[in-house]
């Protein structure tokens, strides 16, 4: 049995934290595939951690997960209780001041952040009596971080950029730079520092998620219509993007979606990747 829960953050944190995601599962064999979202996440395992790409580190129970550019294959046969804090792509840097490119394509243990605050938070969350109590500790920590954070002149411009690309990820980089009154070179630098990916990398990830959302929603997905609608050059381009971001061909991805419907994994997949039907995170 798998249950998932999406919790909205406190009002002061909503410009930074998209949602908290809790997953609990009884002891059974699971092999989910997590697609890249472009977002920073805190991943906290209150029980045994997942195997990731056939490896596991039992001590890494709380980590910062930077933006990945490829699918991650997980597996477990143990009971799970997992909490994720899913940030807006530009928000982790605003709250911590840490350059985001340091976390690209990797998970960093809270213990390795050279911050006593993160180490204390890890202990509090792992020792909490319930997931709700753990979330309360996380919120208190984030609110303290917010109170200490320096005001950034880029917060509102980046929020504007993400509002635009959330609605339409097929946009030119120079148009996004012009939108926030920065040169294209300045925009790329600020973007990488705050997001951990280049604008082009993130736009590709967000486009993939919109395509995946359409494939889930369409009774009979048409690859030709998706290629045309989302601006892929041809079938080969479409195939390469799917292979990178899902680890599968488009056809195999459809089979995967059909397979995970039977054990009710699809609802967990959607609550993580697309909790409010936004299909861009």
C-alpha atoms as a PDB file:
ATOM      1  CA  UNK A   1       0.000   0.000   0.000  1.00  0.00           C
ATOM      2  CA  UNK A   2       1.333   3.399  -1.046  1.00  0.00           C
ATOM      3  CA  UNK A   3       0.028   6.717   0.231  1.00  0.00           C
ATOM      4  CA  UNK A   4       1.177  10.193  -0.722  1.00  0.00           C
ATOM      5  CA  UNK A   5       0.317  13.562   0.735  1.00  0.00           C
ATOM      6  CA  UNK A   6       0.900  17.073  -0.577  1.00  0.00           C
ATOM      7  CA  UNK A   7       1.109  19.848   2.037  1.00  0.00           C
ATOM      8  CA  UNK A   8       1.182  23.549   1.212  1.00  0.00           C
ATOM      9  CA  UNK A   9       3.754  25.733   3.005  1.00  0.00           C
ATOM     10  CA  UNK A  10       3.024  28.599   5.362  1.00  0.00           C
ATOM     11  CA  UNK A  11       2.025  31.824   3.550  1.00  0.00           C
ATOM     12  CA  UNK A  12       5.414  33.517   4.088  1.00  0.00           C
ATOM     13  CA  UNK A  13       7.182  30.551   2.470  1.00  0.00           C
ATOM     14  CA  UNK A  14       4.952  30.189  -0.601  1.00  0.00           C
ATOM     15  CA  UNK A  15       7.167  32.347  -2.858  1.00  0.00           C
ATOM     16  CA  UNK A  16       9.988  29.878  -2.130  1.00  0.00           C
ATOM     17  CA  UNK A  17       8.572  26.424  -1.331  1.00  0.00           C
ATOM     18  CA  UNK A  18       6.205  24.910  -3.864  1.00  0.00           C
ATOM     19  CA  UNK A  19       5.015  22.091  -1.604  1.00  0.00           C
ATOM     20  CA  UNK A  20       5.966  19.385   0.851  1.00  0.00           C
ATOM     21  CA  UNK A  21       5.530  15.828  -0.376  1.00  0.00           C
ATOM     22  CA  UNK A  22       5.179  12.818   1.914  1.00  0.00           C
ATOM     23  CA  UNK A  23       5.268   9.225   0.688  1.00  0.00           C
ATOM     24  CA  UNK A  24       4.656   6.192   2.875  1.00  0.00           C
ATOM     25  CA  UNK A  25       4.663   2.588   1.694  1.00  0.00           C
ATOM     26  CA  UNK A  26       4.335  -0.785   3.330  1.00  0.00           C
ATOM     27  CA  UNK A  27       7.055  -3.376   2.825  1.00  0.00           C
ATOM     28  CA  UNK A  28       6.923  -4.270  -0.861  1.00  0.00           C
ATOM     29  CA  UNK A  29       9.055  -4.222  -3.973  1.00  0.00           C
ATOM     30  CA  UNK A  30       9.055  -0.810  -5.674  1.00  0.00           C
ATOM     31  CA  UNK A  31      11.107   0.431  -8.627  1.00  0.00           C
ATOM     32  CA  UNK A  32       9.935   3.977  -9.438  1.00  0.00           C
ATOM     33  CA  UNK A  33      11.636   6.256 -11.945  1.00  0.00           C
ATOM     34  CA  UNK A  34      11.960   9.907 -10.945  1.00  0.00           C
ATOM     35  CA  UNK A  35      12.126  12.370 -13.818  1.00  0.00           C
ATOM     36  CA  UNK A  36      14.134  15.607 -13.544  1.00  0.00           C
ATOM     37  CA  UNK A  37      12.014  18.589 -12.504  1.00  0.00           C
ATOM     38  CA  UNK A  38      14.499  21.469 -12.500  1.00  0.00           C
ATOM     39  CA  UNK A  39      13.754  22.078  -8.810  1.00  0.00           C
ATOM     40  CA  UNK A  40      15.899  21.842  -5.704  1.00  0.00           C
ATOM     41  CA  UNK A  41      14.611  19.341  -3.154  1.00  0.00           C
ATOM     42  CA  UNK A  42      15.373  18.306   0.363  1.00  0.00           C
ATOM     43  CA  UNK A  43      14.951  14.538   0.614  1.00  0.00           C
ATOM     44  CA  UNK A  44      14.547  13.045   4.074  1.00  0.00           C
ATOM     45  CA  UNK A  45      14.135   9.311   4.695  1.00  0.00           C
ATOM     46  CA  UNK A  46      12.608   8.617   8.088  1.00  0.00           C
ATOM     47  CA  UNK A  47      13.112   4.920   7.424  1.00  0.00           C
ATOM     48  CA  UNK A  48      15.605   3.059   5.210  1.00  0.00           C
ATOM     49  CA  UNK A  49      16.700   5.115   2.143  1.00  0.00           C
ATOM     50  CA  UNK A  50      15.960   4.024  -1.414  1.00  0.00           C
ATOM     51  CA  UNK A  51      18.550   2.302  -3.519  1.00  0.00           C
ATOM     52  CA  UNK A  52      19.514   4.864  -6.183  1.00  0.00           C
ATOM     53  CA  UNK A  53      20.924   3.559  -9.468  1.00  0.00           C
ATOM     54  CA  UNK A  54      21.505   0.234  -7.639  1.00  0.00           C
ATOM     55  CA  UNK A  55      23.519   1.862  -4.836  1.00  0.00           C
ATOM     56  CA  UNK A  56      22.538   3.039  -1.367  1.00  0.00           C
ATOM     57  CA  UNK A  57      24.106   4.985   1.471  1.00  0.00           C
ATOM     58  CA  UNK A  58      22.323   4.118   4.703  1.00  0.00           C
ATOM     59  CA  UNK A  59      23.746   7.158   6.489  1.00  0.00           C
ATOM     60  CA  UNK A  60      22.448   9.633   3.885  1.00  0.00           C
ATOM     61  CA  UNK A  61      19.000  10.045   5.379  1.00  0.00           C
ATOM     62  CA  UNK A  62      18.741  13.789   4.718  1.00  0.00           C
ATOM     63  CA  UNK A  63      20.173  15.481   1.659  1.00  0.00           C
ATOM     64  CA  UNK A  64      19.892  18.435  -0.680  1.00  0.00           C
ATOM     65  CA  UNK A  65      19.090  17.238  -4.178  1.00  0.00           C
ATOM     66  CA  UNK A  66      20.171  19.654  -6.875  1.00  0.00           C
ATOM     67  CA  UNK A  67      18.577  19.816 -10.317  1.00  0.00           C
ATOM     68  CA  UNK A  68      19.199  16.659 -12.333  1.00  0.00           C
ATOM     69  CA  UNK A  69      19.289  16.388 -16.115  1.00  0.00           C
ATOM     70  CA  UNK A  70      18.474  12.696 -16.328  1.00  0.00           C
ATOM     71  CA  UNK A  71      16.049  10.200 -14.858  1.00  0.00           C
ATOM     72  CA  UNK A  72      16.898   8.528 -11.548  1.00  0.00           C
ATOM     73  CA  UNK A  73      16.019   4.869 -10.999  1.00  0.00           C
ATOM     74  CA  UNK A  74      15.053   3.989  -7.432  1.00  0.00           C
ATOM     75  CA  UNK A  75      14.292   0.654  -5.804  1.00  0.00           C
ATOM     76  CA  UNK A  76      13.361  -0.739  -2.403  1.00  0.00           C
ATOM     77  CA  UNK A  77      11.762  -3.716  -0.732  1.00  0.00           C
ATOM     78  CA  UNK A  78      11.476  -1.995   2.656  1.00  0.00           C
ATOM     79  CA  UNK A  79       8.884   0.133   4.422  1.00  0.00           C
ATOM     80  CA  UNK A  80       9.138   3.795   3.423  1.00  0.00           C
ATOM     81  CA  UNK A  81       8.481   7.125   5.031  1.00  0.00           C
ATOM     82  CA  UNK A  82       9.916   9.864   2.899  1.00  0.00           C
ATOM     83  CA  UNK A  83       9.558  13.652   3.106  1.00  0.00           C
ATOM     84  CA  UNK A  84      10.497  16.035   0.332  1.00  0.00           C
ATOM     85  CA  UNK A  85      10.646  19.813   0.410  1.00  0.00           C
ATOM     86  CA  UNK A  86      10.253  20.947  -3.191  1.00  0.00           C
ATOM     87  CA  UNK A  87      11.468  24.490  -3.843  1.00  0.00           C
ATOM     88  CA  UNK A  88      10.773  26.773  -6.739  1.00  0.00           C
ATOM     89  CA  UNK A  89      13.796  26.503  -9.069  1.00  0.00           C
ATOM     90  CA  UNK A  90      15.325  29.850  -8.027  1.00  0.00           C
ATOM     91  CA  UNK A  91      14.407  29.768  -4.307  1.00  0.00           C
ATOM     92  CA  UNK A  92      17.079  27.604  -2.661  1.00  0.00           C
ATOM     93  CA  UNK A  93      19.800  30.178  -3.362  1.00  0.00           C
ATOM     94  CA  UNK A  94      17.620  33.020  -2.066  1.00  0.00           C
ATOM     95  CA  UNK A  95      17.095  31.213   1.253  1.00  0.00           C
ATOM     96  CA  UNK A  96      20.637  29.911   1.796  1.00  0.00           C
ATOM     97  CA  UNK A  97      22.968  32.112  -0.280  1.00  0.00           C
ATOM     98  CA  UNK A  98      24.714  28.946  -1.529  1.00  0.00           C
ATOM     99  CA  UNK A  99      25.560  28.988  -5.280  1.00  0.00           C
ATOM    100  CA  UNK A 100      23.225  26.453  -6.836  1.00  0.00           C
ATOM    101  CA  UNK A 101      25.652  25.135  -9.452  1.00  0.00           C
ATOM    102  CA  UNK A 102      27.484  23.340  -6.618  1.00  0.00           C
ATOM    103  CA  UNK A 103      24.548  20.912  -6.384  1.00  0.00           C
ATOM    104  CA  UNK A 104      23.888  20.225 -10.072  1.00  0.00           C
ATOM    105  CA  UNK A 105      23.283  16.533 -10.771  1.00  0.00           C
ATOM    106  CA  UNK A 106      24.070  15.398  -7.239  1.00  0.00           C
ATOM    107  CA  UNK A 107      22.714  14.919  -3.734  1.00  0.00           C
ATOM    108  CA  UNK A 108      24.626  16.488  -0.844  1.00  0.00           C
ATOM    109  CA  UNK A 109      24.167  15.138   2.681  1.00  0.00           C
ATOM    110  CA  UNK A 110      23.033  17.677   5.287  1.00  0.00           C
ATOM    111  CA  UNK A 111      26.113  16.607   7.280  1.00  0.00           C
ATOM    112  CA  UNK A 112      28.395  17.887   4.494  1.00  0.00           C
ATOM    113  CA  UNK A 113      26.934  21.402   4.313  1.00  0.00           C
ATOM    114  CA  UNK A 114      29.128  22.781   7.105  1.00  0.00           C
ATOM    115  CA  UNK A 115      26.053  24.195   8.789  1.00  0.00           C
ATOM    116  CA  UNK A 116      25.043  23.235  12.308  1.00  0.00           C
ATOM    117  CA  UNK A 117      21.510  24.339  11.487  1.00  0.00           C
ATOM    118  CA  UNK A 118      21.115  21.649   8.829  1.00  0.00           C
ATOM    119  CA  UNK A 119      22.608  18.998  11.125  1.00  0.00           C
ATOM    120  CA  UNK A 120      20.214  19.944  13.923  1.00  0.00           C
ATOM    121  CA  UNK A 121      17.269  19.915  11.518  1.00  0.00           C
ATOM    122  CA  UNK A 122      18.214  16.428  10.341  1.00  0.00           C
ATOM    123  CA  UNK A 123      18.127  15.113  13.917  1.00  0.00           C
ATOM    124  CA  UNK A 124      14.823  16.844  14.678  1.00  0.00           C
ATOM    125  CA  UNK A 125      13.097  15.479  11.580  1.00  0.00           C
ATOM    126  CA  UNK A 126      14.364  11.925  11.989  1.00  0.00           C
ATOM    127  CA  UNK A 127      13.397  11.874  15.669  1.00  0.00           C
ATOM    128  CA  UNK A 128       9.924  13.428  15.205  1.00  0.00           C
ATOM    129  CA  UNK A 129       6.946  11.339  16.261  1.00  0.00           C
ATOM    130  CA  UNK A 130       5.106  11.903  12.982  1.00  0.00           C
ATOM    131  CA  UNK A 131       5.517  13.346   9.505  1.00  0.00           C
ATOM    132  CA  UNK A 132       3.391  16.336  10.488  1.00  0.00           C
ATOM    133  CA  UNK A 133       5.706  17.070  13.425  1.00  0.00           C
ATOM    134  CA  UNK A 134       8.683  16.736  11.079  1.00  0.00           C
ATOM    135  CA  UNK A 135       7.124  19.246   8.671  1.00  0.00           C
ATOM    136  CA  UNK A 136       6.662  21.668  11.578  1.00  0.00           C
ATOM    137  CA  UNK A 137      10.406  21.505  12.337  1.00  0.00           C
ATOM    138  CA  UNK A 138      11.205  22.068   8.648  1.00  0.00           C
ATOM    139  CA  UNK A 139       8.902  25.096   8.485  1.00  0.00           C
ATOM    140  CA  UNK A 140      10.444  26.635  11.599  1.00  0.00           C
ATOM    141  CA  UNK A 141      13.909  26.201  10.109  1.00  0.00           C
ATOM    142  CA  UNK A 142      12.883  27.717   6.771  1.00  0.00           C
ATOM    143  CA  UNK A 143      11.211  30.692   8.427  1.00  0.00           C
ATOM    144  CA  UNK A 144      14.433  31.377  10.345  1.00  0.00           C
ATOM    145  CA  UNK A 145      16.386  31.127   7.105  1.00  0.00           C
ATOM    146  CA  UNK A 146      13.972  33.551   5.463  1.00  0.00           C
ATOM    147  CA  UNK A 147      14.342  36.054   8.317  1.00  0.00           C
ATOM    148  CA  UNK A 148      18.134  35.975   7.905  1.00  0.00           C
ATOM    149  CA  UNK A 149      18.195  35.934   4.094  1.00  0.00           C
ATOM    150  CA  UNK A 150      19.489  38.936   2.216  1.00  0.00           C
ATOM    151  CA  UNK A 151      17.067  40.685  -0.091  1.00  0.00           C
ATOM    152  CA  UNK A 152      17.863  39.804  -3.686  1.00  0.00           C
ATOM    153  CA  UNK A 153      17.187  42.198  -6.589  1.00  0.00           C
ATOM    154  CA  UNK A 154      16.640  39.124  -8.776  1.00  0.00           C
ATOM    155  CA  UNK A 155      13.771  37.515  -6.850  1.00  0.00           C
ATOM    156  CA  UNK A 156      10.932  39.312  -8.607  1.00  0.00           C
ATOM    157  CA  UNK A 157      12.546  39.189 -12.084  1.00  0.00           C
ATOM    158  CA  UNK A 158      13.136  35.432 -11.761  1.00  0.00           C
ATOM    159  CA  UNK A 159       9.598  34.890 -10.491  1.00  0.00           C
ATOM    160  CA  UNK A 160       8.359  36.724 -13.587  1.00  0.00           C
ATOM    161  CA  UNK A 161      10.524  34.563 -15.840  1.00  0.00           C
ATOM    162  CA  UNK A 162       9.211  31.344 -14.300  1.00  0.00           C
ATOM    163  CA  UNK A 163       5.640  32.495 -14.559  1.00  0.00           C
ATOM    164  CA  UNK A 164       6.192  32.979 -18.283  1.00  0.00           C
ATOM    165  CA  UNK A 165       8.021  29.737 -18.990  1.00  0.00           C
ATOM    166  CA  UNK A 166       5.543  27.803 -16.855  1.00  0.00           C
ATOM    167  CA  UNK A 167       2.881  28.862 -19.309  1.00  0.00           C
ATOM    168  CA  UNK A 168       5.013  28.440 -22.422  1.00  0.00           C
ATOM    169  CA  UNK A 169       8.434  26.756 -22.241  1.00  0.00           C
ATOM    170  CA  UNK A 170       9.131  27.291 -25.947  1.00  0.00           C
ATOM    171  CA  UNK A 171      10.722  30.703 -25.489  1.00  0.00           C
ATOM    172  CA  UNK A 172      13.949  32.285 -26.694  1.00  0.00           C
ATOM    173  CA  UNK A 173      16.641  33.037 -24.127  1.00  0.00           C
ATOM    174  CA  UNK A 174      17.103  36.584 -25.437  1.00  0.00           C
ATOM    175  CA  UNK A 175      13.362  37.220 -24.988  1.00  0.00           C
ATOM    176  CA  UNK A 176      13.544  36.089 -21.348  1.00  0.00           C
ATOM    177  CA  UNK A 177      16.574  38.313 -20.727  1.00  0.00           C
ATOM    178  CA  UNK A 178      14.799  41.296 -22.265  1.00  0.00           C
ATOM    179  CA  UNK A 179      11.738  40.597 -20.093  1.00  0.00           C
ATOM    180  CA  UNK A 180      13.802  41.264 -16.944  1.00  0.00           C
ATOM    181  CA  UNK A 181      15.935  44.056 -18.419  1.00  0.00           C
ATOM    182  CA  UNK A 182      19.240  42.141 -18.372  1.00  0.00           C
ATOM    183  CA  UNK A 183      21.716  41.459 -21.114  1.00  0.00           C
ATOM    184  CA  UNK A 184      21.664  37.868 -22.312  1.00  0.00           C
ATOM    185  CA  UNK A 185      25.095  37.294 -20.725  1.00  0.00           C
ATOM    186  CA  UNK A 186      23.970  38.728 -17.364  1.00  0.00           C
ATOM    187  CA  UNK A 187      20.768  36.720 -17.496  1.00  0.00           C
ATOM    188  CA  UNK A 188      22.613  33.434 -18.061  1.00  0.00           C
ATOM    189  CA  UNK A 189      25.000  34.154 -15.169  1.00  0.00           C
ATOM    190  CA  UNK A 190      22.216  35.084 -12.726  1.00  0.00           C
ATOM    191  CA  UNK A 191      20.130  32.118 -13.856  1.00  0.00           C
ATOM    192  CA  UNK A 192      22.882  29.536 -13.312  1.00  0.00           C
ATOM    193  CA  UNK A 193      23.765  31.012  -9.907  1.00  0.00           C
ATOM    194  CA  UNK A 194      20.150  30.883  -8.705  1.00  0.00           C
ATOM    195  CA  UNK A 195      18.889  27.758 -10.479  1.00  0.00           C
ATOM    196  CA  UNK A 196      21.935  25.525 -10.971  1.00  0.00           C
ATOM    197  CA  UNK A 197      21.123  24.958 -14.649  1.00  0.00           C
ATOM    198  CA  UNK A 198      21.412  27.097 -17.736  1.00  0.00           C
ATOM    199  CA  UNK A 199      18.182  28.595 -19.129  1.00  0.00           C
ATOM    200  CA  UNK A 200      18.348  26.213 -22.098  1.00  0.00           C
ATOM    201  CA  UNK A 201      18.749  23.158 -19.861  1.00  0.00           C
ATOM    202  CA  UNK A 202      15.775  24.113 -17.712  1.00  0.00           C
ATOM    203  CA  UNK A 203      13.565  24.961 -20.689  1.00  0.00           C
ATOM    204  CA  UNK A 204      14.227  21.500 -22.120  1.00  0.00           C
ATOM    205  CA  UNK A 205      13.252  19.863 -18.810  1.00  0.00           C
ATOM    206  CA  UNK A 206      10.055  21.901 -18.513  1.00  0.00           C
ATOM    207  CA  UNK A 207       9.084  21.150 -22.104  1.00  0.00           C
ATOM    208  CA  UNK A 208       9.574  17.447 -21.416  1.00  0.00           C
ATOM    209  CA  UNK A 209       7.206  17.682 -18.454  1.00  0.00           C
ATOM    210  CA  UNK A 210       4.534  19.352 -20.518  1.00  0.00           C
ATOM    211  CA  UNK A 211       4.864  16.603 -23.121  1.00  0.00           C
ATOM    212  CA  UNK A 212       4.721  13.887 -20.434  1.00  0.00           C
ATOM    213  CA  UNK A 213       1.611  15.523 -18.937  1.00  0.00           C
ATOM    214  CA  UNK A 214      -0.075  15.486 -22.330  1.00  0.00           C
ATOM    215  CA  UNK A 215       0.824  11.822 -22.824  1.00  0.00           C
ATOM    216  CA  UNK A 216      -0.705  10.927 -19.447  1.00  0.00           C
ATOM    217  CA  UNK A 217      -3.855  12.914 -20.240  1.00  0.00           C
ATOM    218  CA  UNK A 218      -4.467  11.853 -23.870  1.00  0.00           C
ATOM    219  CA  UNK A 219      -6.504   8.644 -24.417  1.00  0.00           C
ATOM    220  CA  UNK A 220      -4.397   7.806 -27.479  1.00  0.00           C
ATOM    221  CA  UNK A 221      -1.220   9.932 -27.565  1.00  0.00           C
ATOM    222  CA  UNK A 222      -0.042  10.999 -31.015  1.00  0.00           C
ATOM    223  CA  UNK A 223       3.710  11.465 -31.215  1.00  0.00           C
ATOM    224  CA  UNK A 224       3.362  13.438 -34.462  1.00  0.00           C
ATOM    225  CA  UNK A 225       1.031  15.992 -32.873  1.00  0.00           C
ATOM    226  CA  UNK A 226       3.272  16.325 -29.805  1.00  0.00           C
ATOM    227  CA  UNK A 227       6.366  16.845 -31.956  1.00  0.00           C
ATOM    228  CA  UNK A 228       4.620  19.558 -33.924  1.00  0.00           C
ATOM    229  CA  UNK A 229       2.947  21.281 -30.954  1.00  0.00           C
ATOM    230  CA  UNK A 230       6.046  21.440 -28.752  1.00  0.00           C
ATOM    231  CA  UNK A 231       8.520  22.444 -31.435  1.00  0.00           C
ATOM    232  CA  UNK A 232      10.719  19.353 -31.708  1.00  0.00           C
ATOM    233  CA  UNK A 233      12.798  19.247 -34.864  1.00  0.00           C
ATOM    234  CA  UNK A 234      11.806  15.694 -35.816  1.00  0.00           C
ATOM    235  CA  UNK A 235      11.177  12.201 -34.413  1.00  0.00           C
ATOM    236  CA  UNK A 236      14.877  11.727 -33.702  1.00  0.00           C
ATOM    237  CA  UNK A 237      14.990  14.912 -31.601  1.00  0.00           C
ATOM    238  CA  UNK A 238      11.826  13.820 -29.729  1.00  0.00           C
ATOM    239  CA  UNK A 239      13.337  10.372 -29.052  1.00  0.00           C
ATOM    240  CA  UNK A 240      16.641  11.805 -27.756  1.00  0.00           C
ATOM    241  CA  UNK A 241      14.882  14.143 -25.314  1.00  0.00           C
ATOM    242  CA  UNK A 242      12.787  11.300 -23.917  1.00  0.00           C
ATOM    243  CA  UNK A 243      15.797   9.039 -23.599  1.00  0.00           C
ATOM    244  CA  UNK A 244      17.664  11.670 -21.567  1.00  0.00           C
ATOM    245  CA  UNK A 245      14.869  12.817 -19.271  1.00  0.00           C
ATOM    246  CA  UNK A 246      13.007   9.538 -18.713  1.00  0.00           C
ATOM    247  CA  UNK A 247      15.652   6.933 -19.532  1.00  0.00           C
ATOM    248  CA  UNK A 248      13.176   5.423 -21.995  1.00  0.00           C
ATOM    249  CA  UNK A 249      11.915   5.841 -25.520  1.00  0.00           C
ATOM    250  CA  UNK A 250       8.521   7.589 -25.878  1.00  0.00           C
ATOM    251  CA  UNK A 251       6.874   4.209 -26.539  1.00  0.00           C
ATOM    252  CA  UNK A 252       8.498   2.605 -23.496  1.00  0.00           C
ATOM    253  CA  UNK A 253       7.426   5.606 -21.393  1.00  0.00           C
ATOM    254  CA  UNK A 254       3.809   4.957 -22.389  1.00  0.00           C
ATOM    255  CA  UNK A 255       4.213   1.305 -21.386  1.00  0.00           C
ATOM    256  CA  UNK A 256       5.710   2.450 -18.064  1.00  0.00           C
ATOM    257  CA  UNK A 257       2.696   4.676 -17.372  1.00  0.00           C
ATOM    258  CA  UNK A 258       0.374   1.768 -18.120  1.00  0.00           C
ATOM    259  CA  UNK A 259       2.385  -0.553 -15.860  1.00  0.00           C
ATOM    260  CA  UNK A 260       2.376   1.744 -12.827  1.00  0.00           C
ATOM    261  CA  UNK A 261      -1.384   2.268 -12.985  1.00  0.00           C
ATOM    262  CA  UNK A 262      -2.000  -1.286 -11.775  1.00  0.00           C
ATOM    263  CA  UNK A 263      -0.225  -0.972  -8.369  1.00  0.00           C
ATOM    264  CA  UNK A 264      -1.584   2.590  -7.963  1.00  0.00           C
ATOM    265  CA  UNK A 265       1.838   4.128  -8.438  1.00  0.00           C
ATOM    266  CA  UNK A 266       0.505   6.582 -11.014  1.00  0.00           C
ATOM    267  CA  UNK A 267      -1.160   8.726  -8.350  1.00  0.00           C
ATOM    268  CA  UNK A 268       2.148   8.868  -6.460  1.00  0.00           C
ATOM    269  CA  UNK A 269       3.977   9.741  -9.678  1.00  0.00           C
ATOM    270  CA  UNK A 270       1.562  12.561 -10.447  1.00  0.00           C
ATOM    271  CA  UNK A 271       1.455  13.937  -6.901  1.00  0.00           C
ATOM    272  CA  UNK A 272       5.256  14.259  -6.990  1.00  0.00           C
ATOM    273  CA  UNK A 273       5.780  15.530 -10.541  1.00  0.00           C
ATOM    274  CA  UNK A 274       2.536  17.433 -11.013  1.00  0.00           C
ATOM    275  CA  UNK A 275       0.761  18.026  -7.666  1.00  0.00           C
ATOM    276  CA  UNK A 276      -1.645  20.726  -8.845  1.00  0.00           C
ATOM    277  CA  UNK A 277      -1.960  20.052 -12.552  1.00  0.00           C
ATOM    278  CA  UNK A 278       0.692  22.686 -13.310  1.00  0.00           C
ATOM    279  CA  UNK A 279       2.774  20.196 -15.342  1.00  0.00           C
ATOM    280  CA  UNK A 280       5.912  22.322 -15.351  1.00  0.00           C
ATOM    281  CA  UNK A 281       7.654  21.371 -12.130  1.00  0.00           C
END
